């Protein structure tokens, strides 16, 4: 099966070191404007991330997930 989607990154998005963002399989993976992604975050295929979200280190998001606007996800806390 060929992947036919893309990764679309809107304006003013910050992506930290060691992040992985999978391109879409059946559609696009979208990172909304103003979103801040810390180091070591994984975003699965076909995921839609809203505007002005904040993801802390070690957050993992499965494929085909929808994250609304202004959501904060805290990662693995030690």
PDB file of N, CA and C in Angstrom:
ATOM      1  N   UNK A   1       0.848  -1.187   0.000  1.00  0.00           N
ATOM      2  CA  UNK A   1       0.000   0.000   0.000  1.00  0.00           C
ATOM      3  C   UNK A   1       0.888   1.243   0.000  1.00  0.00           C
ATOM      4  N   UNK A   2       0.665   2.128  -0.924  1.00  0.00           N
ATOM      5  CA  UNK A   2       1.432   3.359  -1.003  1.00  0.00           C
ATOM      6  C   UNK A   2       0.804   4.432  -0.133  1.00  0.00           C
ATOM      7  N   UNK A   3       1.658   5.207   0.543  1.00  0.00           N
ATOM      8  CA  UNK A   3       1.160   6.361   1.282  1.00  0.00           C
ATOM      9  C   UNK A   3       0.925   7.484   0.292  1.00  0.00           C
ATOM     10  N   UNK A   4      -0.257   8.079   0.353  1.00  0.00           N
ATOM     11  CA  UNK A   4      -0.559   9.147  -0.597  1.00  0.00           C
ATOM     12  C   UNK A   4      -0.734  10.486   0.102  1.00  0.00           C
ATOM     13  N   UNK A   5      -0.534  10.528   1.428  1.00  0.00           N
ATOM     14  CA  UNK A   5      -0.699  11.767   2.167  1.00  0.00           C
ATOM     15  C   UNK A   5       0.605  12.519   2.336  1.00  0.00           C
ATOM     16  N   UNK A   6       0.485  13.655   2.985  1.00  0.00           N
ATOM     17  CA  UNK A   6       1.629  14.528   3.233  1.00  0.00           C
ATOM     18  C   UNK A   6       1.655  14.881   4.710  1.00  0.00           C
ATOM     19  N   UNK A   7       2.682  15.629   5.115  1.00  0.00           N
ATOM     20  CA  UNK A   7       2.687  16.328   6.396  1.00  0.00           C
ATOM     21  C   UNK A   7       2.547  17.806   6.070  1.00  0.00           C
ATOM     22  N   UNK A   8       1.524  18.450   6.629  1.00  0.00           N
ATOM     23  CA  UNK A   8       1.294  19.878   6.407  1.00  0.00           C
ATOM     24  C   UNK A   8       1.549  20.583   7.732  1.00  0.00           C
ATOM     25  N   UNK A   9       2.512  21.505   7.727  1.00  0.00           N
ATOM     26  CA  UNK A   9       2.871  22.265   8.929  1.00  0.00           C
ATOM     27  C   UNK A   9       2.510  23.719   8.678  1.00  0.00           C
ATOM     28  N   UNK A  10       1.569  24.223   9.469  1.00  0.00           N
ATOM     29  CA  UNK A  10       1.120  25.598   9.291  1.00  0.00           C
ATOM     30  C   UNK A  10       2.123  26.586   9.914  1.00  0.00           C
ATOM     31  N   UNK A  11       1.818  27.878   9.856  1.00  0.00           N
ATOM     32  CA  UNK A  11       2.718  28.943  10.310  1.00  0.00           C
ATOM     33  C   UNK A  11       2.976  28.910  11.810  1.00  0.00           C
ATOM     34  N   UNK A  12       4.178  29.355  12.192  1.00  0.00           N
ATOM     35  CA  UNK A  12       4.592  29.556  13.584  1.00  0.00           C
ATOM     36  C   UNK A  12       4.554  28.281  14.420  1.00  0.00           C
ATOM     37  N   UNK A  13       4.833  27.143  13.805  1.00  0.00           N
ATOM     38  CA  UNK A  13       4.928  25.865  14.524  1.00  0.00           C
ATOM     39  C   UNK A  13       6.377  25.662  14.926  1.00  0.00           C
ATOM     40  N   UNK A  14       6.598  25.205  16.172  1.00  0.00           N
ATOM     41  CA  UNK A  14       7.944  24.876  16.648  1.00  0.00           C
ATOM     42  C   UNK A  14       8.007  23.386  16.909  1.00  0.00           C
ATOM     43  N   UNK A  15       9.046  22.739  16.360  1.00  0.00           N
ATOM     44  CA  UNK A  15       9.214  21.292  16.512  1.00  0.00           C
ATOM     45  C   UNK A  15      10.587  21.045  17.122  1.00  0.00           C
ATOM     46  N   UNK A  16      10.601  20.375  18.280  1.00  0.00           N
ATOM     47  CA  UNK A  16      11.840  20.108  18.993  1.00  0.00           C
ATOM     48  C   UNK A  16      12.651  18.980  18.365  1.00  0.00           C
ATOM     49  N   UNK A  17      13.819  18.745  18.954  1.00  0.00           N
ATOM     50  CA  UNK A  17      14.745  17.726  18.458  1.00  0.00           C
ATOM     51  C   UNK A  17      14.190  16.325  18.675  1.00  0.00           C
ATOM     52  N   UNK A  18      14.480  15.436  17.740  1.00  0.00           N
ATOM     53  CA  UNK A  18      14.130  14.036  17.878  1.00  0.00           C
ATOM     54  C   UNK A  18      12.659  13.718  17.718  1.00  0.00           C
ATOM     55  N   UNK A  19      11.891  14.620  17.147  1.00  0.00           N
ATOM     56  CA  UNK A  19      10.459  14.360  16.927  1.00  0.00           C
ATOM     57  C   UNK A  19      10.263  13.570  15.636  1.00  0.00           C
ATOM     58  N   UNK A  20       9.195  12.766  15.604  1.00  0.00           N
ATOM     59  CA  UNK A  20       8.821  12.080  14.379  1.00  0.00           C
ATOM     60  C   UNK A  20       7.366  12.403  14.070  1.00  0.00           C
ATOM     61  N   UNK A  21       7.113  12.768  12.831  1.00  0.00           N
ATOM     62  CA  UNK A  21       5.763  13.066  12.369  1.00  0.00           C
ATOM     63  C   UNK A  21       5.548  12.238  11.112  1.00  0.00           C
ATOM     64  N   UNK A  22       4.622  11.271  11.196  1.00  0.00           N
ATOM     65  CA  UNK A  22       4.371  10.375  10.067  1.00  0.00           C
ATOM     66  C   UNK A  22       3.477  11.048   9.037  1.00  0.00           C
ATOM     67  N   UNK A  23       3.847  10.909   7.771  1.00  0.00           N
ATOM     68  CA  UNK A  23       2.981  11.447   6.727  1.00  0.00           C
ATOM     69  C   UNK A  23       1.703  10.623   6.658  1.00  0.00           C
ATOM     70  N   UNK A  24       0.684  11.232   6.106  1.00  0.00           N
ATOM     71  CA  UNK A  24      -0.606  10.566   6.026  1.00  0.00           C
ATOM     72  C   UNK A  24      -0.588   9.352   5.124  1.00  0.00           C
ATOM     73  N   UNK A  25      -1.497   8.440   5.394  1.00  0.00           N
ATOM     74  CA  UNK A  25      -1.666   7.256   4.563  1.00  0.00           C
ATOM     75  C   UNK A  25      -2.848   7.461   3.622  1.00  0.00           C
ATOM     76  N   UNK A  26      -3.993   7.818   4.183  1.00  0.00           N
ATOM     77  CA  UNK A  26      -5.182   8.035   3.354  1.00  0.00           C
ATOM     78  C   UNK A  26      -5.539   9.509   3.212  1.00  0.00           C
ATOM     79  N   UNK A  27      -4.868  10.365   3.961  1.00  0.00           N
ATOM     80  CA  UNK A  27      -5.065  11.816   3.897  1.00  0.00           C
ATOM     81  C   UNK A  27      -3.801  12.474   4.395  1.00  0.00           C
ATOM     82  N   UNK A  28      -3.885  13.723   4.769  1.00  0.00           N
ATOM     83  CA  UNK A  28      -2.717  14.455   5.267  1.00  0.00           C
ATOM     84  C   UNK A  28      -2.617  14.383   6.786  1.00  0.00           C
ATOM     85  N   UNK A  29      -1.405  14.493   7.289  1.00  0.00           N
ATOM     86  CA  UNK A  29      -1.154  14.760   8.700  1.00  0.00           C
ATOM     87  C   UNK A  29      -0.994  16.272   8.801  1.00  0.00           C
ATOM     88  N   UNK A  30      -1.727  16.909   9.708  1.00  0.00           N
ATOM     89  CA  UNK A  30      -1.756  18.372   9.799  1.00  0.00           C
ATOM     90  C   UNK A  30      -1.328  18.832  11.187  1.00  0.00           C
ATOM     91  N   UNK A  31      -0.393  19.789  11.230  1.00  0.00           N
ATOM     92  CA  UNK A  31       0.016  20.432  12.472  1.00  0.00           C
ATOM     93  C   UNK A  31      -0.449  21.880  12.386  1.00  0.00           C
ATOM     94  N   UNK A  32      -1.384  22.270  13.269  1.00  0.00           N
ATOM     95  CA  UNK A  32      -2.007  23.582  13.215  1.00  0.00           C
ATOM     96  C   UNK A  32      -1.090  24.724  13.620  1.00  0.00           C
ATOM     97  N   UNK A  33      -1.413  25.906  13.149  1.00  0.00           N
ATOM     98  CA  UNK A  33      -0.627  27.120  13.391  1.00  0.00           C
ATOM     99  C   UNK A  33      -0.425  27.372  14.884  1.00  0.00           C
ATOM    100  N   UNK A  34       0.784  27.808  15.234  1.00  0.00           N
ATOM    101  CA  UNK A  34       1.087  28.200  16.601  1.00  0.00           C
ATOM    102  C   UNK A  34       1.351  27.051  17.556  1.00  0.00           C
ATOM    103  N   UNK A  35       1.321  25.826  17.079  1.00  0.00           N
ATOM    104  CA  UNK A  35       1.548  24.666  17.946  1.00  0.00           C
ATOM    105  C   UNK A  35       3.025  24.555  18.300  1.00  0.00           C
ATOM    106  N   UNK A  36       3.298  24.194  19.547  1.00  0.00           N
ATOM    107  CA  UNK A  36       4.666  24.017  20.043  1.00  0.00           C
ATOM    108  C   UNK A  36       4.844  22.552  20.432  1.00  0.00           C
ATOM    109  N   UNK A  37       5.850  21.902  19.853  1.00  0.00           N
ATOM    110  CA  UNK A  37       6.117  20.489  20.102  1.00  0.00           C
ATOM    111  C   UNK A  37       7.507  20.369  20.707  1.00  0.00           C
ATOM    112  N   UNK A  38       7.568  19.827  21.921  1.00  0.00           N
ATOM    113  CA  UNK A  38       8.832  19.649  22.636  1.00  0.00           C
ATOM    114  C   UNK A  38       9.640  18.519  21.997  1.00  0.00           C
ATOM    115  N   UNK A  39      10.793  18.211  22.554  1.00  0.00           N
ATOM    116  CA  UNK A  39      11.655  17.139  22.065  1.00  0.00           C
ATOM    117  C   UNK A  39      11.006  15.766  22.242  1.00  0.00           C
ATOM    118  N   UNK A  40      11.380  14.834  21.373  1.00  0.00           N
ATOM    119  CA  UNK A  40      11.009  13.417  21.487  1.00  0.00           C
ATOM    120  C   UNK A  40       9.507  13.175  21.519  1.00  0.00           C
ATOM    121  N   UNK A  41       8.787  13.802  20.603  1.00  0.00           N
ATOM    122  CA  UNK A  41       7.345  13.617  20.471  1.00  0.00           C
ATOM    123  C   UNK A  41       7.092  12.845  19.171  1.00  0.00           C
ATOM    124  N   UNK A  42       6.141  11.902  19.219  1.00  0.00           N
ATOM    125  CA  UNK A  42       5.756  11.161  18.014  1.00  0.00           C
ATOM    126  C   UNK A  42       4.305  11.480  17.672  1.00  0.00           C
ATOM    127  N   UNK A  43       4.067  11.819  16.400  1.00  0.00           N
ATOM    128  CA  UNK A  43       2.718  12.068  15.899  1.00  0.00           C
ATOM    129  C   UNK A  43       2.472  11.095  14.760  1.00  0.00           C
ATOM    130  N   UNK A  44       1.450  10.241  14.909  1.00  0.00           N
ATOM    131  CA  UNK A  44       1.153   9.197  13.936  1.00  0.00           C
ATOM    132  C   UNK A  44       0.487   9.726  12.671  1.00  0.00           C
ATOM    133  N   UNK A  45       0.388   8.847  11.706  1.00  0.00           N
ATOM    134  CA  UNK A  45      -0.157   9.169  10.382  1.00  0.00           C
ATOM    135  C   UNK A  45      -1.607   9.641  10.462  1.00  0.00           C
ATOM    136  N   UNK A  46      -1.977  10.511   9.546  1.00  0.00           N
ATOM    137  CA  UNK A  46      -3.348  11.005   9.376  1.00  0.00           C
ATOM    138  C   UNK A  46      -3.886  11.737  10.612  1.00  0.00           C
ATOM    139  N   UNK A  47      -3.011  12.207  11.477  1.00  0.00           N
ATOM    140  CA  UNK A  47      -3.432  12.934  12.679  1.00  0.00           C
ATOM    141  C   UNK A  47      -3.644  14.400  12.342  1.00  0.00           C
ATOM    142  N   UNK A  48      -4.659  14.991  12.946  1.00  0.00           N
ATOM    143  CA  UNK A  48      -4.924  16.417  12.801  1.00  0.00           C
ATOM    144  C   UNK A  48      -4.717  17.057  14.166  1.00  0.00           C
ATOM    145  N   UNK A  49      -3.765  17.992  14.221  1.00  0.00           N
ATOM    146  CA  UNK A  49      -3.475  18.733  15.446  1.00  0.00           C
ATOM    147  C   UNK A  49      -4.002  20.147  15.249  1.00  0.00           C
ATOM    148  N   UNK A  50      -4.806  20.619  16.193  1.00  0.00           N
ATOM    149  CA  UNK A  50      -5.388  21.943  16.102  1.00  0.00           C
ATOM    150  C   UNK A  50      -4.371  23.064  16.268  1.00  0.00           C
ATOM    151  N   UNK A  51      -4.873  24.267  16.330  1.00  0.00           N
ATOM    152  CA  UNK A  51      -4.029  25.460  16.469  1.00  0.00           C
ATOM    153  C   UNK A  51      -3.650  25.689  17.939  1.00  0.00           C
ATOM    154  N   UNK A  52      -2.443  26.232  18.149  1.00  0.00           N
ATOM    155  CA  UNK A  52      -1.945  26.660  19.465  1.00  0.00           C
ATOM    156  C   UNK A  52      -1.953  25.548  20.506  1.00  0.00           C
ATOM    157  N   UNK A  53      -1.572  24.345  20.088  1.00  0.00           N
ATOM    158  CA  UNK A  53      -1.438  23.231  21.035  1.00  0.00           C
ATOM    159  C   UNK A  53      -0.030  23.232  21.624  1.00  0.00           C
ATOM    160  N   UNK A  54       0.136  22.530  22.737  1.00  0.00           N
ATOM    161  CA  UNK A  54       1.436  22.401  23.397  1.00  0.00           C
ATOM    162  C   UNK A  54       1.623  20.945  23.784  1.00  0.00           C
ATOM    163  N   UNK A  55       2.672  20.315  23.252  1.00  0.00           N
ATOM    164  CA  UNK A  55       2.977  18.923  23.563  1.00  0.00           C
ATOM    165  C   UNK A  55       4.324  18.869  24.268  1.00  0.00           C
ATOM    166  N   UNK A  56       4.346  18.314  25.489  1.00  0.00           N
ATOM    167  CA  UNK A  56       5.591  18.177  26.251  1.00  0.00           C
ATOM    168  C   UNK A  56       6.360  16.949  25.763  1.00  0.00           C
ATOM    169  N   UNK A  57       7.596  16.824  26.220  1.00  0.00           N
ATOM    170  CA  UNK A  57       8.475  15.739  25.798  1.00  0.00           C
ATOM    171  C   UNK A  57       7.866  14.368  26.067  1.00  0.00           C
ATOM    172  N   UNK A  58       8.128  13.458  25.152  1.00  0.00           N
ATOM    173  CA  UNK A  58       7.746  12.049  25.210  1.00  0.00           C
ATOM    174  C   UNK A  58       6.244  11.800  25.077  1.00  0.00           C
ATOM    175  N   UNK A  59       5.527  12.736  24.482  1.00  0.00           N
ATOM    176  CA  UNK A  59       4.122  12.487  24.135  1.00  0.00           C
ATOM    177  C   UNK A  59       4.107  11.623  22.877  1.00  0.00           C
ATOM    178  N   UNK A  60       3.226  10.634  22.847  1.00  0.00           N
ATOM    179  CA  UNK A  60       3.031   9.807  21.669  1.00  0.00           C
ATOM    180  C   UNK A  60       1.569   9.859  21.264  1.00  0.00           C
ATOM    181  N   UNK A  61       1.302  10.177  20.010  1.00  0.00           N
ATOM    182  CA  UNK A  61      -0.072  10.277  19.509  1.00  0.00           C
ATOM    183  C   UNK A  61      -0.247   9.225  18.423  1.00  0.00           C
ATOM    184  N   UNK A  62      -1.255   8.377  18.578  1.00  0.00           N
ATOM    185  CA  UNK A  62      -1.520   7.320  17.603  1.00  0.00           C
ATOM    186  C   UNK A  62      -1.991   7.918  16.279  1.00  0.00           C
ATOM    187  N   UNK A  63      -1.987   7.100  15.248  1.00  0.00           N
ATOM    188  CA  UNK A  63      -2.456   7.538  13.939  1.00  0.00           C
ATOM    189  C   UNK A  63      -3.950   7.811  13.928  1.00  0.00           C
ATOM    190  N   UNK A  64      -4.364   8.642  12.971  1.00  0.00           N
ATOM    191  CA  UNK A  64      -5.773   8.969  12.734  1.00  0.00           C
ATOM    192  C   UNK A  64      -6.460   9.530  13.975  1.00  0.00           C
ATOM    193  N   UNK A  65      -5.747  10.397  14.692  1.00  0.00           N
ATOM    194  CA  UNK A  65      -6.263  11.040  15.901  1.00  0.00           C
ATOM    195  C   UNK A  65      -6.564  12.497  15.591  1.00  0.00           C
ATOM    196  N   UNK A  66      -7.596  13.043  16.224  1.00  0.00           N
ATOM    197  CA  UNK A  66      -7.915  14.468  16.090  1.00  0.00           C
ATOM    198  C   UNK A  66      -7.698  15.128  17.440  1.00  0.00           C
ATOM    199  N   UNK A  67      -6.831  16.143  17.465  1.00  0.00           N
ATOM    200  CA  UNK A  67      -6.556  16.950  18.652  1.00  0.00           C
ATOM    201  C   UNK A  67      -7.148  18.330  18.390  1.00  0.00           C
ATOM    202  N   UNK A  68      -8.045  18.779  19.251  1.00  0.00           N
ATOM    203  CA  UNK A  68      -8.706  20.077  19.066  1.00  0.00           C
ATOM    204  C   UNK A  68      -7.726  21.242  19.291  1.00  0.00           C
ATOM    205  N   UNK A  69      -8.170  22.473  19.092  1.00  0.00           N
ATOM    206  CA  UNK A  69      -7.354  23.672  19.317  1.00  0.00           C
ATOM    207  C   UNK A  69      -7.027  23.841  20.799  1.00  0.00           C
ATOM    208  N   UNK A  70      -5.839  24.408  21.069  1.00  0.00           N
ATOM    209  CA  UNK A  70      -5.384  24.822  22.397  1.00  0.00           C
ATOM    210  C   UNK A  70      -5.363  23.688  23.425  1.00  0.00           C
ATOM    211  N   UNK A  71      -5.006  22.492  22.972  1.00  0.00           N
ATOM    212  CA  UNK A  71      -4.879  21.331  23.866  1.00  0.00           C
ATOM    213  C   UNK A  71      -3.444  21.249  24.373  1.00  0.00           C
ATOM    214  N   UNK A  72      -3.280  20.944  25.654  1.00  0.00           N
ATOM    215  CA  UNK A  72      -1.966  20.722  26.250  1.00  0.00           C
ATOM    216  C   UNK A  72      -1.862  19.246  26.616  1.00  0.00           C
ATOM    217  N   UNK A  73      -0.805  18.589  26.139  1.00  0.00           N
ATOM    218  CA  UNK A  73      -0.542  17.199  26.487  1.00  0.00           C
ATOM    219  C   UNK A  73       0.802  17.131  27.207  1.00  0.00           C
ATOM    220  N   UNK A  74       0.776  16.650  28.438  1.00  0.00           N
ATOM    221  CA  UNK A  74       2.009  16.481  29.209  1.00  0.00           C
ATOM    222  C   UNK A  74       2.563  15.100  28.913  1.00  0.00           C
ATOM    223  N   UNK A  75       3.851  14.996  28.758  1.00  0.00           N
ATOM    224  CA  UNK A  75       4.492  13.729  28.424  1.00  0.00           C
ATOM    225  C   UNK A  75       4.824  12.928  29.668  1.00  0.00           C
ATOM    226  N   UNK A  76       5.758  12.057  29.501  1.00  0.00           N
ATOM    227  CA  UNK A  76       6.205  11.205  30.600  1.00  0.00           C
ATOM    228  C   UNK A  76       6.879  12.080  31.650  1.00  0.00           C
ATOM    229  N   UNK A  77       6.352  12.037  32.825  1.00  0.00           N
ATOM    230  CA  UNK A  77       6.889  12.852  33.916  1.00  0.00           C
ATOM    231  C   UNK A  77       7.749  11.989  34.817  1.00  0.00           C
ATOM    232  N   UNK A  78       8.914  12.504  35.186  1.00  0.00           N
ATOM    233  CA  UNK A  78       9.827  11.771  36.055  1.00  0.00           C
ATOM    234  C   UNK A  78      10.131  12.610  37.277  1.00  0.00           C
TER     235      UNK A  78
END
